Every structure is written in C-alpha cells, then in structure tokens.
C-alpha cells in the first residue's frame, strides 16, 4: 500500500510538471499541454490507484444507492402515514358529525315529547272542563225538570186534596 501511494504521488508530480511545461495561452491563465502525454499519465494514475480507494469509491456509490432507496422508502412511509392520518381525521369527523346529529335528534325528540305531553295535558283539562260544564248544565236541567214535575204534582195533589175535602164536607153535611 505504501508503494501505491508513492506511485500516485510520483504521478501527481509528473502531472504538475506536464502542466508547468505547457505553453501559456496568450490573454489568460490557460495552458496548452500535449494531449497524448496527459491521457497516458491519467491512465497510469488509474492503474496506480490503490485498491482501497477503488473499493471506497464503490462503497460510496453503494452508500448513495442505499441512501436513495432509504429516502424513497421513507417518503412512501410518510405518504402512507399522512394518508392514514387524513383517513382517521375524516373518520373522526364523520363520527363527530354523526354523534352531534344523534344528540340533535334526541333533543328534538325530547322537545316534541314534552310538547305532546303539554298538548295532551291541555286537551285533557279542556275536556274535563267541558265535561264539568256539561254535567253542571244537565244537573241544572234535571233540577228544573224535577222542580216543574213536583210543582205539577203539588198542584194535582192540592186539587185531589180539595176534592177530598169537598167530598168530606159533602158527606158530613149529609150526615148531619
């Protein structure tokens, strides 16, 4: 491994030398270098690159892939959780609305029952009052009828009594 890092350092020094020997471009800081020499040097650097660096590069690539997969999975989990939360909120809203409606129906039913009870009580009182008035009127009519009947009877009895007295007087006068 020490040998590989020395080779890389040596090749980096050669790259620096190649750039330093290059022809400077007028009006700028650019340099023109021999293309084939540069490409050969890059190939030698690739070959001289330690196995650990290549393995680390592969590990980093795999790590990036795993990280991307993990982020995608996390996004799916979050999306499912949000959908579940929304569904539960909808369900809770429906249950709450149904509960409120049920309570309203119970209140309305109780109010209607109380109103019906009040109406029934009022009607019962009215009918009782009517019955009492009717009974009172019938009693007054019955009393009047009884009074008239008794007066007629009294008149007839008085007439009978007068007839009996006259008959007695007539018999007493005859017998005397």
C-alpha atoms as a PDB file:
ATOM      1  CA  UNK A   1       0.000   0.000   0.000  1.00  0.00           C
ATOM      2  CA  UNK A   2       2.868   2.376   0.749  1.00  0.00           C
ATOM      3  CA  UNK A   3       4.217   1.621  -2.717  1.00  0.00           C
ATOM      4  CA  UNK A   4       0.868   2.501  -4.327  1.00  0.00           C
ATOM      5  CA  UNK A   5       0.663   5.876  -2.588  1.00  0.00           C
ATOM      6  CA  UNK A   6       4.253   6.646  -3.677  1.00  0.00           C
ATOM      7  CA  UNK A   7       3.331   5.792  -7.275  1.00  0.00           C
ATOM      8  CA  UNK A   8       0.307   8.104  -7.067  1.00  0.00           C
ATOM      9  CA  UNK A   9       2.392  10.915  -5.589  1.00  0.00           C
ATOM     10  CA  UNK A  10       5.023  10.407  -8.284  1.00  0.00           C
ATOM     11  CA  UNK A  11       2.336  10.522 -10.995  1.00  0.00           C
ATOM     12  CA  UNK A  12       0.795  13.654  -9.482  1.00  0.00           C
ATOM     13  CA  UNK A  13       4.249  15.278  -9.603  1.00  0.00           C
ATOM     14  CA  UNK A  14       4.539  14.285 -13.292  1.00  0.00           C
ATOM     15  CA  UNK A  15       1.092  15.837 -13.947  1.00  0.00           C
ATOM     16  CA  UNK A  16       2.190  19.036 -12.319  1.00  0.00           C
ATOM     17  CA  UNK A  17       5.381  19.036 -14.404  1.00  0.00           C
ATOM     18  CA  UNK A  18       3.386  18.480 -17.605  1.00  0.00           C
ATOM     19  CA  UNK A  19       1.162  21.475 -16.819  1.00  0.00           C
ATOM     20  CA  UNK A  20       4.198  23.608 -15.907  1.00  0.00           C
ATOM     21  CA  UNK A  21       5.926  22.775 -19.208  1.00  0.00           C
ATOM     22  CA  UNK A  22       2.843  23.540 -21.199  1.00  0.00           C
ATOM     23  CA  UNK A  23       2.556  26.541 -23.476  1.00  0.00           C
ATOM     24  CA  UNK A  24       0.801  29.501 -21.900  1.00  0.00           C
ATOM     25  CA  UNK A  25      -2.196  30.797 -23.804  1.00  0.00           C
ATOM     26  CA  UNK A  26      -1.990  34.490 -24.562  1.00  0.00           C
ATOM     27  CA  UNK A  27      -4.594  36.650 -22.806  1.00  0.00           C
ATOM     28  CA  UNK A  28      -5.429  34.325 -19.942  1.00  0.00           C
ATOM     29  CA  UNK A  29      -4.121  31.833 -17.468  1.00  0.00           C
ATOM     30  CA  UNK A  30      -4.788  28.755 -19.606  1.00  0.00           C
ATOM     31  CA  UNK A  31      -2.056  26.283 -20.684  1.00  0.00           C
ATOM     32  CA  UNK A  32      -1.798  24.063 -23.737  1.00  0.00           C
ATOM     33  CA  UNK A  33      -0.360  20.603 -22.947  1.00  0.00           C
ATOM     34  CA  UNK A  34       0.429  17.619 -25.121  1.00  0.00           C
ATOM     35  CA  UNK A  35      -2.816  15.680 -25.210  1.00  0.00           C
ATOM     36  CA  UNK A  36      -1.444  12.183 -25.579  1.00  0.00           C
ATOM     37  CA  UNK A  37       1.036  12.660 -22.731  1.00  0.00           C
ATOM     38  CA  UNK A  38      -1.780  13.883 -20.489  1.00  0.00           C
ATOM     39  CA  UNK A  39      -4.013  10.907 -21.365  1.00  0.00           C
ATOM     40  CA  UNK A  40      -1.135   8.442 -20.787  1.00  0.00           C
ATOM     41  CA  UNK A  41      -0.469   9.986 -17.399  1.00  0.00           C
ATOM     42  CA  UNK A  42      -4.155   9.740 -16.441  1.00  0.00           C
ATOM     43  CA  UNK A  43      -4.204   6.045 -17.457  1.00  0.00           C
ATOM     44  CA  UNK A  44      -1.108   5.366 -15.349  1.00  0.00           C
ATOM     45  CA  UNK A  45      -2.779   7.150 -12.395  1.00  0.00           C
ATOM     46  CA  UNK A  46      -5.833   4.936 -12.726  1.00  0.00           C
ATOM     47  CA  UNK A  47      -3.721   1.808 -12.731  1.00  0.00           C
ATOM     48  CA  UNK A  48      -1.657   3.035  -9.813  1.00  0.00           C
ATOM     49  CA  UNK A  49      -4.706   3.981  -7.770  1.00  0.00           C
ATOM     50  CA  UNK A  50      -4.812   1.844  -4.614  1.00  0.00           C
ATOM     51  CA  UNK A  51      -7.471  -0.907  -4.396  1.00  0.00           C
ATOM     52  CA  UNK A  52      -8.754   0.637  -1.176  1.00  0.00           C
ATOM     53  CA  UNK A  53      -9.624   3.864  -2.982  1.00  0.00           C
ATOM     54  CA  UNK A  54     -11.499   1.944  -5.699  1.00  0.00           C
ATOM     55  CA  UNK A  55     -13.269  -0.119  -3.012  1.00  0.00           C
ATOM     56  CA  UNK A  56     -14.072   3.044  -1.061  1.00  0.00           C
ATOM     57  CA  UNK A  57     -15.444   4.570  -4.246  1.00  0.00           C
ATOM     58  CA  UNK A  58     -17.672   1.506  -4.755  1.00  0.00           C
ATOM     59  CA  UNK A  59     -18.725   1.646  -1.105  1.00  0.00           C
ATOM     60  CA  UNK A  60     -19.590   5.330  -1.512  1.00  0.00           C
ATOM     61  CA  UNK A  61     -21.601   4.574  -4.656  1.00  0.00           C
ATOM     62  CA  UNK A  62     -23.438   1.743  -2.863  1.00  0.00           C
ATOM     63  CA  UNK A  63     -23.960   4.008   0.127  1.00  0.00           C
ATOM     64  CA  UNK A  64     -25.514   6.643  -2.151  1.00  0.00           C
ATOM     65  CA  UNK A  65     -27.793   3.993  -3.695  1.00  0.00           C
ATOM     66  CA  UNK A  66     -28.830   2.717  -0.254  1.00  0.00           C
ATOM     67  CA  UNK A  67     -29.395   6.291   0.914  1.00  0.00           C
ATOM     68  CA  UNK A  68     -31.575   6.978  -2.150  1.00  0.00           C
ATOM     69  CA  UNK A  69     -33.562   3.759  -1.557  1.00  0.00           C
ATOM     70  CA  UNK A  70     -33.939   4.635   2.126  1.00  0.00           C
ATOM     71  CA  UNK A  71     -35.150   8.132   1.258  1.00  0.00           C
ATOM     72  CA  UNK A  72     -37.661   6.691  -1.200  1.00  0.00           C
ATOM     73  CA  UNK A  73     -38.902   4.203   1.415  1.00  0.00           C
ATOM     74  CA  UNK A  74     -39.111   6.999   4.000  1.00  0.00           C
ATOM     75  CA  UNK A  75     -41.116   9.093   1.539  1.00  0.00           C
ATOM     76  CA  UNK A  76     -43.500   6.149   0.945  1.00  0.00           C
ATOM     77  CA  UNK A  77     -43.872   5.579   4.693  1.00  0.00           C
ATOM     78  CA  UNK A  78     -44.556   9.277   5.279  1.00  0.00           C
ATOM     79  CA  UNK A  79     -47.090   9.334   2.439  1.00  0.00           C
ATOM     80  CA  UNK A  80     -48.877   6.267   3.884  1.00  0.00           C
ATOM     81  CA  UNK A  81     -48.840   7.804   7.357  1.00  0.00           C
ATOM     82  CA  UNK A  82     -50.256  11.075   6.032  1.00  0.00           C
ATOM     83  CA  UNK A  83     -52.967   9.194   4.139  1.00  0.00           C
ATOM     84  CA  UNK A  84     -53.808   7.209   7.273  1.00  0.00           C
ATOM     85  CA  UNK A  85     -53.929  10.383   9.370  1.00  0.00           C
ATOM     86  CA  UNK A  86     -56.198  12.030   6.810  1.00  0.00           C
ATOM     87  CA  UNK A  87     -58.453   8.959   6.750  1.00  0.00           C
ATOM     88  CA  UNK A  88     -58.632   8.886  10.525  1.00  0.00           C
ATOM     89  CA  UNK A  89     -59.403  12.602  10.615  1.00  0.00           C
ATOM     90  CA  UNK A  90     -62.173  12.034   8.077  1.00  0.00           C
ATOM     91  CA  UNK A  91     -63.485   9.098  10.114  1.00  0.00           C
ATOM     92  CA  UNK A  92     -63.344  11.139  13.311  1.00  0.00           C
ATOM     93  CA  UNK A  93     -65.122  13.998  11.557  1.00  0.00           C
ATOM     94  CA  UNK A  94     -67.854  11.618  10.359  1.00  0.00           C
ATOM     95  CA  UNK A  95     -68.209  10.086  13.832  1.00  0.00           C
ATOM     96  CA  UNK A  96     -68.304  13.541  15.415  1.00  0.00           C
ATOM     97  CA  UNK A  97     -70.912  14.740  12.913  1.00  0.00           C
ATOM     98  CA  UNK A  98     -72.999  11.579  13.474  1.00  0.00           C
ATOM     99  CA  UNK A  99     -72.750  11.995  17.248  1.00  0.00           C
ATOM    100  CA  UNK A 100     -73.799  15.640  17.023  1.00  0.00           C
ATOM    101  CA  UNK A 101     -76.699  14.724  14.714  1.00  0.00           C
ATOM    102  CA  UNK A 102     -77.786  11.938  17.082  1.00  0.00           C
ATOM    103  CA  UNK A 103     -77.708  14.348  20.017  1.00  0.00           C
ATOM    104  CA  UNK A 104     -79.711  16.856  18.000  1.00  0.00           C
ATOM    105  CA  UNK A 105     -82.286  14.174  17.112  1.00  0.00           C
ATOM    106  CA  UNK A 106     -82.547  13.166  20.789  1.00  0.00           C
ATOM    107  CA  UNK A 107     -83.022  16.830  21.804  1.00  0.00           C
ATOM    108  CA  UNK A 108     -85.676  17.312  19.121  1.00  0.00           C
ATOM    109  CA  UNK A 109     -87.411  14.088  20.215  1.00  0.00           C
ATOM    110  CA  UNK A 110     -87.408  15.198  23.847  1.00  0.00           C
ATOM    111  CA  UNK A 111     -88.758  18.621  22.858  1.00  0.00           C
ATOM    112  CA  UNK A 112     -91.509  17.004  20.745  1.00  0.00           C
ATOM    113  CA  UNK A 113     -92.380  14.600  23.567  1.00  0.00           C
ATOM    114  CA  UNK A 114     -92.615  17.498  26.030  1.00  0.00           C
ATOM    115  CA  UNK A 115     -94.739  19.477  23.559  1.00  0.00           C
ATOM    116  CA  UNK A 116     -97.035  16.473  23.040  1.00  0.00           C
ATOM    117  CA  UNK A 117     -97.299  15.980  26.811  1.00  0.00           C
ATOM    118  CA  UNK A 118     -98.198  19.663  27.261  1.00  0.00           C
ATOM    119  CA  UNK A 119    -100.743  19.482  24.421  1.00  0.00           C
ATOM    120  CA  UNK A 120    -102.262  16.272  25.849  1.00  0.00           C
ATOM    121  CA  UNK A 121    -102.497  17.836  29.298  1.00  0.00           C
ATOM    122  CA  UNK A 122    -104.125  20.957  27.855  1.00  0.00           C
ATOM    123  CA  UNK A 123    -106.620  18.874  25.878  1.00  0.00           C
ATOM    124  CA  UNK A 124    -107.401  16.744  28.935  1.00  0.00           C
ATOM    125  CA  UNK A 125    -108.044  19.882  31.026  1.00  0.00           C
ATOM    126  CA  UNK A 126    -110.273  21.330  28.289  1.00  0.00           C
ATOM    127  CA  UNK A 127    -112.289  18.093  28.029  1.00  0.00           C
ATOM    128  CA  UNK A 128    -112.579  17.874  31.800  1.00  0.00           C
ATOM    129  CA  UNK A 129    -113.793  21.492  31.902  1.00  0.00           C
ATOM    130  CA  UNK A 130    -116.290  20.738  29.114  1.00  0.00           C
ATOM    131  CA  UNK A 131    -117.492  17.615  30.948  1.00  0.00           C
ATOM    132  CA  UNK A 132    -117.900  19.555  34.195  1.00  0.00           C
ATOM    133  CA  UNK A 133    -119.822  22.289  32.386  1.00  0.00           C
ATOM    134  CA  UNK A 134    -121.983  19.712  30.633  1.00  0.00           C
ATOM    135  CA  UNK A 135    -122.632  17.879  33.927  1.00  0.00           C
ATOM    136  CA  UNK A 136    -123.446  21.165  35.646  1.00  0.00           C
ATOM    137  CA  UNK A 137    -125.841  22.089  32.856  1.00  0.00           C
ATOM    138  CA  UNK A 138    -127.503  18.632  32.954  1.00  0.00           C
ATOM    139  CA  UNK A 139    -127.864  18.896  36.740  1.00  0.00           C
ATOM    140  CA  UNK A 140    -129.456  22.319  36.396  1.00  0.00           C
ATOM    141  CA  UNK A 141    -131.812  20.969  33.717  1.00  0.00           C
ATOM    142  CA  UNK A 142    -132.606  17.915  35.874  1.00  0.00           C
ATOM    143  CA  UNK A 143    -133.250  20.184  38.898  1.00  0.00           C
ATOM    144  CA  UNK A 144    -135.516  22.395  36.800  1.00  0.00           C
ATOM    145  CA  UNK A 145    -137.376  19.338  35.447  1.00  0.00           C
ATOM    146  CA  UNK A 146    -137.727  17.898  38.963  1.00  0.00           C
ATOM    147  CA  UNK A 147    -138.959  21.267  40.276  1.00  0.00           C
ATOM    148  CA  UNK A 148    -141.504  21.577  37.467  1.00  0.00           C
ATOM    149  CA  UNK A 149    -142.625  17.982  37.964  1.00  0.00           C
ATOM    150  CA  UNK A 150    -143.013  18.498  41.733  1.00  0.00           C
ATOM    151  CA  UNK A 151    -144.999  21.696  41.222  1.00  0.00           C
ATOM    152  CA  UNK A 152    -147.340  19.895  38.845  1.00  0.00           C
ATOM    153  CA  UNK A 153    -147.612  17.066  41.363  1.00  0.00           C
ATOM    154  CA  UNK A 154    -148.228  19.601  44.143  1.00  0.00           C
ATOM    155  CA  UNK A 155    -150.929  21.216  42.042  1.00  0.00           C
ATOM    156  CA  UNK A 156    -152.519  17.839  41.334  1.00  0.00           C
ATOM    157  CA  UNK A 157    -152.273  16.827  44.992  1.00  0.00           C
ATOM    158  CA  UNK A 158    -153.789  20.116  46.032  1.00  0.00           C
ATOM    159  CA  UNK A 159    -156.570  19.511  43.545  1.00  0.00           C
ATOM    160  CA  UNK A 160    -157.031  15.963  44.936  1.00  0.00           C
ATOM    161  CA  UNK A 161    -156.944  17.291  48.471  1.00  0.00           C
ATOM    162  CA  UNK A 162    -159.529  19.938  47.636  1.00  0.00           C
ATOM    163  CA  UNK A 163    -161.682  17.306  46.008  1.00  0.00           C
ATOM    164  CA  UNK A 164    -161.275  15.044  49.072  1.00  0.00           C
ATOM    165  CA  UNK A 165    -162.176  17.930  51.425  1.00  0.00           C
ATOM    166  CA  UNK A 166    -165.179  18.821  49.385  1.00  0.00           C
ATOM    167  CA  UNK A 167    -166.174  15.184  49.374  1.00  0.00           C
ATOM    168  CA  UNK A 168    -165.733  15.036  53.178  1.00  0.00           C
ATOM    169  CA  UNK A 169    -167.648  18.204  53.699  1.00  0.00           C
ATOM    170  CA  UNK A 170    -170.386  16.960  51.450  1.00  0.00           C
ATOM    171  CA  UNK A 171    -170.567  13.724  53.365  1.00  0.00           C
ATOM    172  CA  UNK A 172    -170.536  15.489  56.661  1.00  0.00           C
ATOM    173  CA  UNK A 173    -173.353  17.706  55.601  1.00  0.00           C
ATOM    174  CA  UNK A 174    -175.375  14.824  54.518  1.00  0.00           C
ATOM    175  CA  UNK A 175    -174.724  13.010  57.649  1.00  0.00           C
ATOM    176  CA  UNK A 176    -175.765  15.707  59.835  1.00  0.00           C
END
